[in-house]
PDB file of N, CA and C in Angstrom:
ATOM      1  N   UNK A   1      -8.879   3.088 -16.388  1.00  0.00           N
ATOM      2  CA  UNK A   1      -9.020   3.438 -14.988  1.00  0.00           C
ATOM      3  C   UNK A   1      -9.922   2.401 -14.318  1.00  0.00           C
ATOM      4  N   UNK A   2      -9.491   1.900 -13.198  1.00  0.00           N
ATOM      5  CA  UNK A   2     -10.195   0.851 -12.465  1.00  0.00           C
ATOM      6  C   UNK A   2     -11.086   1.478 -11.401  1.00  0.00           C
ATOM      7  N   UNK A   3     -12.350   1.063 -11.332  1.00  0.00           N
ATOM      8  CA  UNK A   3     -13.288   1.578 -10.334  1.00  0.00           C
ATOM      9  C   UNK A   3     -13.713   0.460  -9.396  1.00  0.00           C
ATOM     10  N   UNK A   4     -13.829   0.776  -8.117  1.00  0.00           N
ATOM     11  CA  UNK A   4     -14.262  -0.202  -7.128  1.00  0.00           C
ATOM     12  C   UNK A   4     -14.994   0.529  -6.021  1.00  0.00           C
ATOM     13  N   UNK A   5     -16.189   0.041  -5.685  1.00  0.00           N
ATOM     14  CA  UNK A   5     -16.916   0.595  -4.543  1.00  0.00           C
ATOM     15  C   UNK A   5     -16.184   0.169  -3.273  1.00  0.00           C
ATOM     16  N   UNK A   6     -16.050   1.064  -2.337  1.00  0.00           N
ATOM     17  CA  UNK A   6     -15.262   0.805  -1.139  1.00  0.00           C
ATOM     18  C   UNK A   6     -15.945  -0.152  -0.166  1.00  0.00           C
ATOM     19  N   UNK A   7     -17.245  -0.348  -0.285  1.00  0.00           N
ATOM     20  CA  UNK A   7     -17.951  -1.176   0.685  1.00  0.00           C
ATOM     21  C   UNK A   7     -18.323  -2.560   0.165  1.00  0.00           C
ATOM     22  N   UNK A   8     -17.852  -2.953  -1.016  1.00  0.00           N
ATOM     23  CA  UNK A   8     -18.184  -4.286  -1.523  1.00  0.00           C
ATOM     24  C   UNK A   8     -17.498  -5.352  -0.672  1.00  0.00           C
ATOM     25  N   UNK A   9     -18.169  -6.485  -0.459  1.00  0.00           N
ATOM     26  CA  UNK A   9     -17.536  -7.581   0.280  1.00  0.00           C
ATOM     27  C   UNK A   9     -16.287  -8.060  -0.457  1.00  0.00           C
ATOM     28  N   UNK A  10     -15.227  -8.290   0.301  1.00  0.00           N
ATOM     29  CA  UNK A  10     -13.957  -8.661  -0.310  1.00  0.00           C
ATOM     30  C   UNK A  10     -13.164  -9.559   0.631  1.00  0.00           C
ATOM     31  N   UNK A  11     -12.148 -10.184   0.082  1.00  0.00           N
ATOM     32  CA  UNK A  11     -11.243 -10.982   0.905  1.00  0.00           C
ATOM     33  C   UNK A  11      -9.814 -10.710   0.461  1.00  0.00           C
ATOM     34  N   UNK A  12      -8.946 -10.505   1.439  1.00  0.00           N
ATOM     35  CA  UNK A  12      -7.518 -10.343   1.178  1.00  0.00           C
ATOM     36  C   UNK A  12      -6.935 -11.744   1.086  1.00  0.00           C
ATOM     37  N   UNK A  13      -6.305 -12.044  -0.040  1.00  0.00           N
ATOM     38  CA  UNK A  13      -5.783 -13.389  -0.295  1.00  0.00           C
ATOM     39  C   UNK A  13      -4.298 -13.318  -0.627  1.00  0.00           C
ATOM     40  N   UNK A  14      -3.583 -14.363  -0.242  1.00  0.00           N
ATOM     41  CA  UNK A  14      -2.161 -14.474  -0.548  1.00  0.00           C
ATOM     42  C   UNK A  14      -1.863 -15.886  -1.008  1.00  0.00           C
ATOM     43  N   UNK A  15      -0.822 -16.007  -1.830  1.00  0.00           N
ATOM     44  CA  UNK A  15      -0.365 -17.339  -2.225  1.00  0.00           C
ATOM     45  C   UNK A  15       0.219 -18.021  -1.000  1.00  0.00           C
ATOM     46  N   UNK A  16      -0.071 -19.302  -0.865  1.00  0.00           N
ATOM     47  CA  UNK A  16       0.448 -20.064   0.260  1.00  0.00           C
ATOM     48  C   UNK A  16       1.953 -20.273   0.091  1.00  0.00           C
ATOM     49  N   UNK A  17       2.692 -20.081   1.177  1.00  0.00           N
ATOM     50  CA  UNK A  17       4.116 -20.399   1.170  1.00  0.00           C
ATOM     51  C   UNK A  17       4.261 -21.914   1.109  1.00  0.00           C
ATOM     52  N   UNK A  18       5.421 -22.373   0.646  1.00  0.00           N
ATOM     53  CA  UNK A  18       5.640 -23.811   0.567  1.00  0.00           C
ATOM     54  C   UNK A  18       5.522 -24.478   1.929  1.00  0.00           C
ATOM     55  N   UNK A  19       5.948 -23.790   2.984  1.00  0.00           N
ATOM     56  CA  UNK A  19       5.849 -24.364   4.324  1.00  0.00           C
ATOM     57  C   UNK A  19       4.407 -24.470   4.780  1.00  0.00           C
ATOM     58  N   UNK A  20       3.534 -23.627   4.249  1.00  0.00           N
ATOM     59  CA  UNK A  20       2.144 -23.587   4.697  1.00  0.00           C
ATOM     60  C   UNK A  20       1.224 -24.505   3.901  1.00  0.00           C
ATOM     61  N   UNK A  21       1.707 -25.060   2.816  1.00  0.00           N
ATOM     62  CA  UNK A  21       0.845 -25.900   1.997  1.00  0.00           C
ATOM     63  C   UNK A  21       1.544 -27.217   1.682  1.00  0.00           C
ATOM     64  N   UNK A  22       0.769 -28.267   1.583  1.00  0.00           N
ATOM     65  CA  UNK A  22       1.332 -29.558   1.209  1.00  0.00           C
ATOM     66  C   UNK A  22       1.523 -29.600  -0.297  1.00  0.00           C
ATOM     67  N   UNK A  23       2.264 -30.570  -0.762  1.00  0.00           N
ATOM     68  CA  UNK A  23       2.524 -30.700  -2.199  1.00  0.00           C
ATOM     69  C   UNK A  23       1.238 -30.909  -2.986  1.00  0.00           C
ATOM     70  N   UNK A  24       0.247 -31.546  -2.360  1.00  0.00           N
ATOM     71  CA  UNK A  24      -1.009 -31.812  -3.064  1.00  0.00           C
ATOM     72  C   UNK A  24      -2.023 -30.678  -2.936  1.00  0.00           C
ATOM     73  N   UNK A  25      -1.746 -29.694  -2.062  1.00  0.00           N
ATOM     74  CA  UNK A  25      -2.712 -28.625  -1.825  1.00  0.00           C
ATOM     75  C   UNK A  25      -2.007 -27.272  -1.882  1.00  0.00           C
ATOM     76  N   UNK A  26      -2.062 -26.626  -3.036  1.00  0.00           N
ATOM     77  CA  UNK A  26      -1.435 -25.305  -3.203  1.00  0.00           C
ATOM     78  C   UNK A  26      -2.504 -24.224  -3.166  1.00  0.00           C
ATOM     79  N   UNK A  27      -3.416 -24.325  -2.212  1.00  0.00           N
ATOM     80  CA  UNK A  27      -4.526 -23.377  -2.103  1.00  0.00           C
ATOM     81  C   UNK A  27      -4.019 -22.007  -1.671  1.00  0.00           C
ATOM     82  N   UNK A  28      -4.738 -21.000  -2.088  1.00  0.00           N
ATOM     83  CA  UNK A  28      -4.460 -19.642  -1.626  1.00  0.00           C
ATOM     84  C   UNK A  28      -5.012 -19.487  -0.224  1.00  0.00           C
ATOM     85  N   UNK A  29      -4.416 -18.599   0.535  1.00  0.00           N
ATOM     86  CA  UNK A  29      -4.828 -18.370   1.910  1.00  0.00           C
ATOM     87  C   UNK A  29      -5.702 -17.125   1.973  1.00  0.00           C
ATOM     88  N   UNK A  30      -6.861 -17.245   2.622  1.00  0.00           N
ATOM     89  CA  UNK A  30      -7.700 -16.075   2.883  1.00  0.00           C
ATOM     90  C   UNK A  30      -7.179 -15.479   4.185  1.00  0.00           C
ATOM     91  N   UNK A  31      -6.587 -14.298   4.086  1.00  0.00           N
ATOM     92  CA  UNK A  31      -5.994 -13.633   5.244  1.00  0.00           C
ATOM     93  C   UNK A  31      -7.075 -12.957   6.076  1.00  0.00           C
ATOM     94  N   UNK A  32      -8.024 -12.294   5.397  1.00  0.00           N
ATOM     95  CA  UNK A  32      -9.100 -11.573   6.086  1.00  0.00           C
ATOM     96  C   UNK A  32     -10.250 -11.352   5.124  1.00  0.00           C
ATOM     97  N   UNK A  33     -11.431 -11.112   5.688  1.00  0.00           N
ATOM     98  CA  UNK A  33     -12.613 -10.801   4.885  1.00  0.00           C
ATOM     99  C   UNK A  33     -13.315  -9.592   5.476  1.00  0.00           C
ATOM    100  N   UNK A  34     -13.890  -8.769   4.600  1.00  0.00           N
ATOM    101  CA  UNK A  34     -14.608  -7.582   5.030  1.00  0.00           C
ATOM    102  C   UNK A  34     -14.805  -6.631   3.873  1.00  0.00           C
ATOM    103  N   UNK A  35     -15.157  -5.380   4.148  1.00  0.00           N
ATOM    104  CA  UNK A  35     -15.333  -4.388   3.075  1.00  0.00           C
ATOM    105  C   UNK A  35     -14.014  -4.150   2.325  1.00  0.00           C
ATOM    106  N   UNK A  36     -14.136  -3.851   1.047  1.00  0.00           N
ATOM    107  CA  UNK A  36     -12.958  -3.634   0.213  1.00  0.00           C
ATOM    108  C   UNK A  36     -11.983  -2.639   0.838  1.00  0.00           C
ATOM    109  N   UNK A  37     -12.477  -1.528   1.360  1.00  0.00           N
ATOM    110  CA  UNK A  37     -11.600  -0.491   1.899  1.00  0.00           C
ATOM    111  C   UNK A  37     -10.734  -1.037   3.036  1.00  0.00           C
ATOM    112  N   UNK A  38     -11.307  -1.870   3.889  1.00  0.00           N
ATOM    113  CA  UNK A  38     -10.552  -2.446   5.003  1.00  0.00           C
ATOM    114  C   UNK A  38      -9.515  -3.435   4.477  1.00  0.00           C
ATOM    115  N   UNK A  39      -9.894  -4.232   3.487  1.00  0.00           N
ATOM    116  CA  UNK A  39      -8.951  -5.184   2.891  1.00  0.00           C
ATOM    117  C   UNK A  39      -7.812  -4.453   2.189  1.00  0.00           C
ATOM    118  N   UNK A  40      -8.129  -3.324   1.554  1.00  0.00           N
ATOM    119  CA  UNK A  40      -7.093  -2.543   0.872  1.00  0.00           C
ATOM    120  C   UNK A  40      -6.108  -1.944   1.876  1.00  0.00           C
ATOM    121  N   UNK A  41      -6.609  -1.425   2.990  1.00  0.00           N
ATOM    122  CA  UNK A  41      -5.702  -0.920   4.027  1.00  0.00           C
ATOM    123  C   UNK A  41      -4.862  -2.051   4.603  1.00  0.00           C
ATOM    124  N   UNK A  42      -5.459  -3.226   4.774  1.00  0.00           N
ATOM    125  CA  UNK A  42      -4.698  -4.382   5.239  1.00  0.00           C
ATOM    126  C   UNK A  42      -3.600  -4.744   4.258  1.00  0.00           C
ATOM    127  N   UNK A  43      -3.932  -4.738   2.979  1.00  0.00           N
ATOM    128  CA  UNK A  43      -2.944  -5.012   1.929  1.00  0.00           C
ATOM    129  C   UNK A  43      -1.797  -4.016   2.012  1.00  0.00           C
ATOM    130  N   UNK A  44      -2.119  -2.719   2.139  1.00  0.00           N
ATOM    131  CA  UNK A  44      -1.080  -1.685   2.176  1.00  0.00           C
ATOM    132  C   UNK A  44      -0.209  -1.773   3.426  1.00  0.00           C
ATOM    133  N   UNK A  45      -0.702  -2.436   4.470  1.00  0.00           N
ATOM    134  CA  UNK A  45       0.090  -2.571   5.687  1.00  0.00           C
ATOM    135  C   UNK A  45       1.139  -3.671   5.572  1.00  0.00           C
ATOM    136  N   UNK A  46       1.040  -4.498   4.538  1.00  0.00           N
ATOM    137  CA  UNK A  46       2.011  -5.574   4.342  1.00  0.00           C
ATOM    138  C   UNK A  46       3.325  -5.029   3.801  1.00  0.00           C
ATOM    139  N   UNK A  47       4.388  -5.759   4.018  1.00  0.00           N
ATOM    140  CA  UNK A  47       5.681  -5.373   3.454  1.00  0.00           C
ATOM    141  C   UNK A  47       5.589  -5.441   1.927  1.00  0.00           C
ATOM    142  N   UNK A  48       6.435  -4.690   1.246  1.00  0.00           N
ATOM    143  CA  UNK A  48       6.425  -4.696  -0.222  1.00  0.00           C
ATOM    144  C   UNK A  48       6.662  -6.095  -0.761  1.00  0.00           C
ATOM    145  N   UNK A  49       7.520  -6.845  -0.115  1.00  0.00           N
ATOM    146  CA  UNK A  49       7.810  -8.209  -0.554  1.00  0.00           C
ATOM    147  C   UNK A  49       6.565  -9.090  -0.471  1.00  0.00           C
ATOM    148  N   UNK A  50       5.834  -8.988   0.626  1.00  0.00           N
ATOM    149  CA  UNK A  50       4.633  -9.805   0.822  1.00  0.00           C
ATOM    150  C   UNK A  50       3.506  -9.379  -0.121  1.00  0.00           C
ATOM    151  N   UNK A  51       3.413  -8.084  -0.417  1.00  0.00           N
ATOM    152  CA  UNK A  51       2.345  -7.587  -1.305  1.00  0.00           C
ATOM    153  C   UNK A  51       2.368  -8.269  -2.666  1.00  0.00           C
ATOM    154  N   UNK A  52       3.562  -8.606  -3.149  1.00  0.00           N
ATOM    155  CA  UNK A  52       3.672  -9.206  -4.482  1.00  0.00           C
ATOM    156  C   UNK A  52       2.903 -10.511  -4.611  1.00  0.00           C
ATOM    157  N   UNK A  53       2.664 -11.187  -3.484  1.00  0.00           N
ATOM    158  CA  UNK A  53       1.971 -12.476  -3.543  1.00  0.00           C
ATOM    159  C   UNK A  53       0.516 -12.370  -3.086  1.00  0.00           C
ATOM    160  N   UNK A  54       0.002 -11.147  -2.960  1.00  0.00           N
ATOM    161  CA  UNK A  54      -1.366 -10.959  -2.453  1.00  0.00           C
ATOM    162  C   UNK A  54      -2.234 -10.192  -3.439  1.00  0.00           C
ATOM    163  N   UNK A  55      -3.532 -10.311  -3.243  1.00  0.00           N
ATOM    164  CA  UNK A  55      -4.523  -9.599  -4.041  1.00  0.00           C
ATOM    165  C   UNK A  55      -5.812  -9.566  -3.241  1.00  0.00           C
ATOM    166  N   UNK A  56      -6.815  -8.854  -3.742  1.00  0.00           N
ATOM    167  CA  UNK A  56      -8.119  -8.801  -3.094  1.00  0.00           C
ATOM    168  C   UNK A  56      -9.134  -9.442  -4.031  1.00  0.00           C
ATOM    169  N   UNK A  57      -9.879 -10.397  -3.493  1.00  0.00           N
ATOM    170  CA  UNK A  57     -10.918 -11.059  -4.265  1.00  0.00           C
ATOM    171  C   UNK A  57     -12.282 -10.459  -3.955  1.00  0.00           C
ATOM    172  N   UNK A  58     -13.093 -10.266  -4.979  1.00  0.00           N
ATOM    173  CA  UNK A  58     -14.468  -9.790  -4.823  1.00  0.00           C
ATOM    174  C   UNK A  58     -15.375 -10.663  -5.679  1.00  0.00           C
ATOM    175  N   UNK A  59     -16.675 -10.477  -5.556  1.00  0.00           N
ATOM    176  CA  UNK A  59     -17.627 -11.244  -6.357  1.00  0.00           C
ATOM    177  C   UNK A  59     -17.466 -10.967  -7.848  1.00  0.00           C
ATOM    178  N   UNK A  60     -16.939  -9.800  -8.193  1.00  0.00           N
ATOM    179  CA  UNK A  60     -16.773  -9.444  -9.608  1.00  0.00           C
ATOM    180  C   UNK A  60     -15.397  -9.803 -10.154  1.00  0.00           C
ATOM    181  N   UNK A  61     -14.520 -10.324  -9.310  1.00  0.00           N
ATOM    182  CA  UNK A  61     -13.198 -10.739  -9.775  1.00  0.00           C
ATOM    183  C   UNK A  61     -12.090 -10.312  -8.825  1.00  0.00           C
ATOM    184  N   UNK A  62     -10.887 -10.631  -9.211  1.00  0.00           N
ATOM    185  CA  UNK A  62      -9.720 -10.296  -8.401  1.00  0.00           C
ATOM    186  C   UNK A  62      -9.219  -8.889  -8.704  1.00  0.00           C
ATOM    187  N   UNK A  63      -8.789  -8.208  -7.657  1.00  0.00           N
ATOM    188  CA  UNK A  63      -8.185  -6.882  -7.793  1.00  0.00           C
ATOM    189  C   UNK A  63      -6.701  -7.073  -7.505  1.00  0.00           C
ATOM    190  N   UNK A  64      -5.884  -6.813  -8.509  1.00  0.00           N
ATOM    191  CA  UNK A  64      -4.453  -7.071  -8.425  1.00  0.00           C
ATOM    192  C   UNK A  64      -3.710  -5.916  -7.753  1.00  0.00           C
ATOM    193  N   UNK A  65      -2.464  -6.165  -7.323  1.00  0.00           N
ATOM    194  CA  UNK A  65      -1.729  -5.149  -6.567  1.00  0.00           C
ATOM    195  C   UNK A  65      -1.704  -3.748  -7.191  1.00  0.00           C
ATOM    196  N   UNK A  66      -1.409  -3.641  -8.476  1.00  0.00           N
ATOM    197  CA  UNK A  66      -1.378  -2.311  -9.107  1.00  0.00           C
ATOM    198  C   UNK A  66      -2.747  -1.641  -9.054  1.00  0.00           C
ATOM    199  N   UNK A  67      -3.808  -2.430  -9.214  1.00  0.00           N
ATOM    200  CA  UNK A  67      -5.161  -1.889  -9.169  1.00  0.00           C
ATOM    201  C   UNK A  67      -5.535  -1.445  -7.759  1.00  0.00           C
ATOM    202  N   UNK A  68      -5.125  -2.211  -6.756  1.00  0.00           N
ATOM    203  CA  UNK A  68      -5.403  -1.835  -5.363  1.00  0.00           C
ATOM    204  C   UNK A  68      -4.759  -0.485  -5.068  1.00  0.00           C
ATOM    205  N   UNK A  69      -3.510  -0.334  -5.445  1.00  0.00           N
ATOM    206  CA  UNK A  69      -2.799   0.915  -5.168  1.00  0.00           C
ATOM    207  C   UNK A  69      -3.393   2.076  -5.947  1.00  0.00           C
ATOM    208  N   UNK A  70      -3.836   1.839  -7.177  1.00  0.00           N
ATOM    209  CA  UNK A  70      -4.487   2.893  -7.973  1.00  0.00           C
ATOM    210  C   UNK A  70      -5.793   3.341  -7.320  1.00  0.00           C
ATOM    211  N   UNK A  71      -6.609   2.370  -6.915  1.00  0.00           N
ATOM    212  CA  UNK A  71      -7.890   2.694  -6.282  1.00  0.00           C
ATOM    213  C   UNK A  71      -7.658   3.493  -5.007  1.00  0.00           C
ATOM    214  N   UNK A  72      -6.708   3.084  -4.181  1.00  0.00           N
ATOM    215  CA  UNK A  72      -6.451   3.771  -2.916  1.00  0.00           C
ATOM    216  C   UNK A  72      -5.888   5.175  -3.150  1.00  0.00           C
ATOM    217  N   UNK A  73      -5.040   5.323  -4.142  1.00  0.00           N
ATOM    218  CA  UNK A  73      -4.494   6.650  -4.454  1.00  0.00           C
ATOM    219  C   UNK A  73      -5.625   7.599  -4.860  1.00  0.00           C
ATOM    220  N   UNK A  74      -6.509   7.131  -5.731  1.00  0.00           N
ATOM    221  CA  UNK A  74      -7.630   7.979  -6.164  1.00  0.00           C
ATOM    222  C   UNK A  74      -8.587   8.260  -5.007  1.00  0.00           C
ATOM    223  N   UNK A  75      -8.824   7.272  -4.155  1.00  0.00           N
ATOM    224  CA  UNK A  75      -9.724   7.459  -3.018  1.00  0.00           C
ATOM    225  C   UNK A  75      -9.153   8.488  -2.053  1.00  0.00           C
ATOM    226  N   UNK A  76      -7.851   8.418  -1.780  1.00  0.00           N
ATOM    227  CA  UNK A  76      -7.221   9.400  -0.884  1.00  0.00           C
ATOM    228  C   UNK A  76      -7.266  10.804  -1.487  1.00  0.00           C
ATOM    229  N   UNK A  77      -7.023  10.918  -2.785  1.00  0.00           N
ATOM    230  CA  UNK A  77      -7.083  12.224  -3.444  1.00  0.00           C
ATOM    231  C   UNK A  77      -8.500  12.799  -3.366  1.00  0.00           C
ATOM    232  N   UNK A  78      -9.496  11.956  -3.563  1.00  0.00           N
ATOM    233  CA  UNK A  78     -10.891  12.407  -3.520  1.00  0.00           C
ATOM    234  C   UNK A  78     -11.283  12.832  -2.109  1.00  0.00           C
ATOM    235  N   UNK A  79     -10.905  12.054  -1.089  1.00  0.00           N
ATOM    236  CA  UNK A  79     -11.272  12.422   0.284  1.00  0.00           C
ATOM    237  C   UNK A  79     -10.545  13.679   0.734  1.00  0.00           C
ATOM    238  N   UNK A  80      -9.333  13.893   0.227  1.00  0.00           N
ATOM    239  CA  UNK A  80      -8.594  15.122   0.555  1.00  0.00           C
ATOM    240  C   UNK A  80      -9.322  16.334  -0.031  1.00  0.00           C
ATOM    241  N   UNK A  81      -9.800  16.222  -1.270  1.00  0.00           N
ATOM    242  CA  UNK A  81     -10.542  17.321  -1.890  1.00  0.00           C
ATOM    243  C   UNK A  81     -11.826  17.623  -1.131  1.00  0.00           C
ATOM    244  N   UNK A  82     -12.519  16.577  -0.689  1.00  0.00           N
ATOM    245  CA  UNK A  82     -13.759  16.770   0.065  1.00  0.00           C
ATOM    246  C   UNK A  82     -13.456  17.468   1.387  1.00  0.00           C
ATOM    247  N   UNK A  83     -12.401  17.039   2.068  1.00  0.00           N
ATOM    248  CA  UNK A  83     -12.031  17.654   3.352  1.00  0.00           C
ATOM    249  C   UNK A  83     -11.655  19.129   3.173  1.00  0.00           C
ATOM    250  N   UNK A  84     -10.903  19.427   2.117  1.00  0.00           N
ATOM    251  CA  UNK A  84     -10.528  20.829   1.847  1.00  0.00           C
ATOM    252  C   UNK A  84     -11.753  21.654   1.502  1.00  0.00           C
ATOM    253  N   UNK A  85     -12.695  21.082   0.769  1.00  0.00           N
ATOM    254  CA  UNK A  85     -13.926  21.772   0.417  1.00  0.00           C
ATOM    255  C   UNK A  85     -14.750  22.061   1.669  1.00  0.00           C
ATOM    256  N   UNK A  86     -14.804  21.082   2.574  1.00  0.00           N
ATOM    257  CA  UNK A  86     -15.538  21.260   3.831  1.00  0.00           C
ATOM    258  C   UNK A  86     -14.908  22.379   4.666  1.00  0.00           C
ATOM    259  N   UNK A  87     -13.599  22.476   4.691  1.00  0.00           N
ATOM    260  CA  UNK A  87     -12.918  23.520   5.461  1.00  0.00           C
ATOM    261  C   UNK A  87     -13.155  24.889   4.856  1.00  0.00           C
ATOM    262  N   UNK A  88     -13.211  24.946   3.515  1.00  0.00           N
ATOM    263  CA  UNK A  88     -13.467  26.230   2.857  1.00  0.00           C
ATOM    264  C   UNK A  88     -14.877  26.730   3.146  1.00  0.00           C
ATOM    265  N   UNK A  89     -15.807  25.827   3.394  1.00  0.00           N
ATOM    266  CA  UNK A  89     -17.181  26.201   3.632  1.00  0.00           C
ATOM    267  C   UNK A  89     -17.472  26.588   5.084  1.00  0.00           C
ATOM    268  N   UNK A  90     -16.517  26.356   5.974  1.00  0.00           N
ATOM    269  CA  UNK A  90     -16.711  26.689   7.399  1.00  0.00           C
ATOM    270  C   UNK A  90     -16.406  28.155   7.607  1.00  0.00           C
ATOM    271  N   UNK A  91     -17.350  28.881   8.226  1.00  0.00           N
ATOM    272  CA  UNK A  91     -17.127  30.305   8.468  1.00  0.00           C
ATOM    273  C   UNK A  91     -16.317  30.513   9.744  1.00  0.00           C
ATOM    274  N   UNK A  92     -15.653  31.614   9.809  1.00  0.00           N
ATOM    275  CA  UNK A  92     -14.814  31.937  10.946  1.00  0.00           C
ATOM    276  C   UNK A  92     -15.588  32.384  12.157  1.00  0.00           C
ATOM    277  N   UNK A  93     -16.852  32.425  12.105  1.00  0.00           N
ATOM    278  CA  UNK A  93     -17.573  32.695  13.304  1.00  0.00           C
ATOM    279  C   UNK A  93     -18.445  33.857  13.288  1.00  0.00           C
TER     280      UNK A  93
END
């Protein structure tokens, strides 16, 4: 199971298309930088085809597509449980 803090500094990166890079420079493109959670939502907003060439980079290493989706799935499940717990604790008046 992969764990990632949602607020760690991160960058959404993609492989450069052939049109975007010269033959001598096959650098990856930094699409955006910010907290991991924002980069993960940005990643999920991409088409499935584009996602295959992207990942999120952090100071501790790269987070690959399957890991990004796993982290987001677990985060959504956890926030849903917290929201349901908060609703159960609210009195009817």
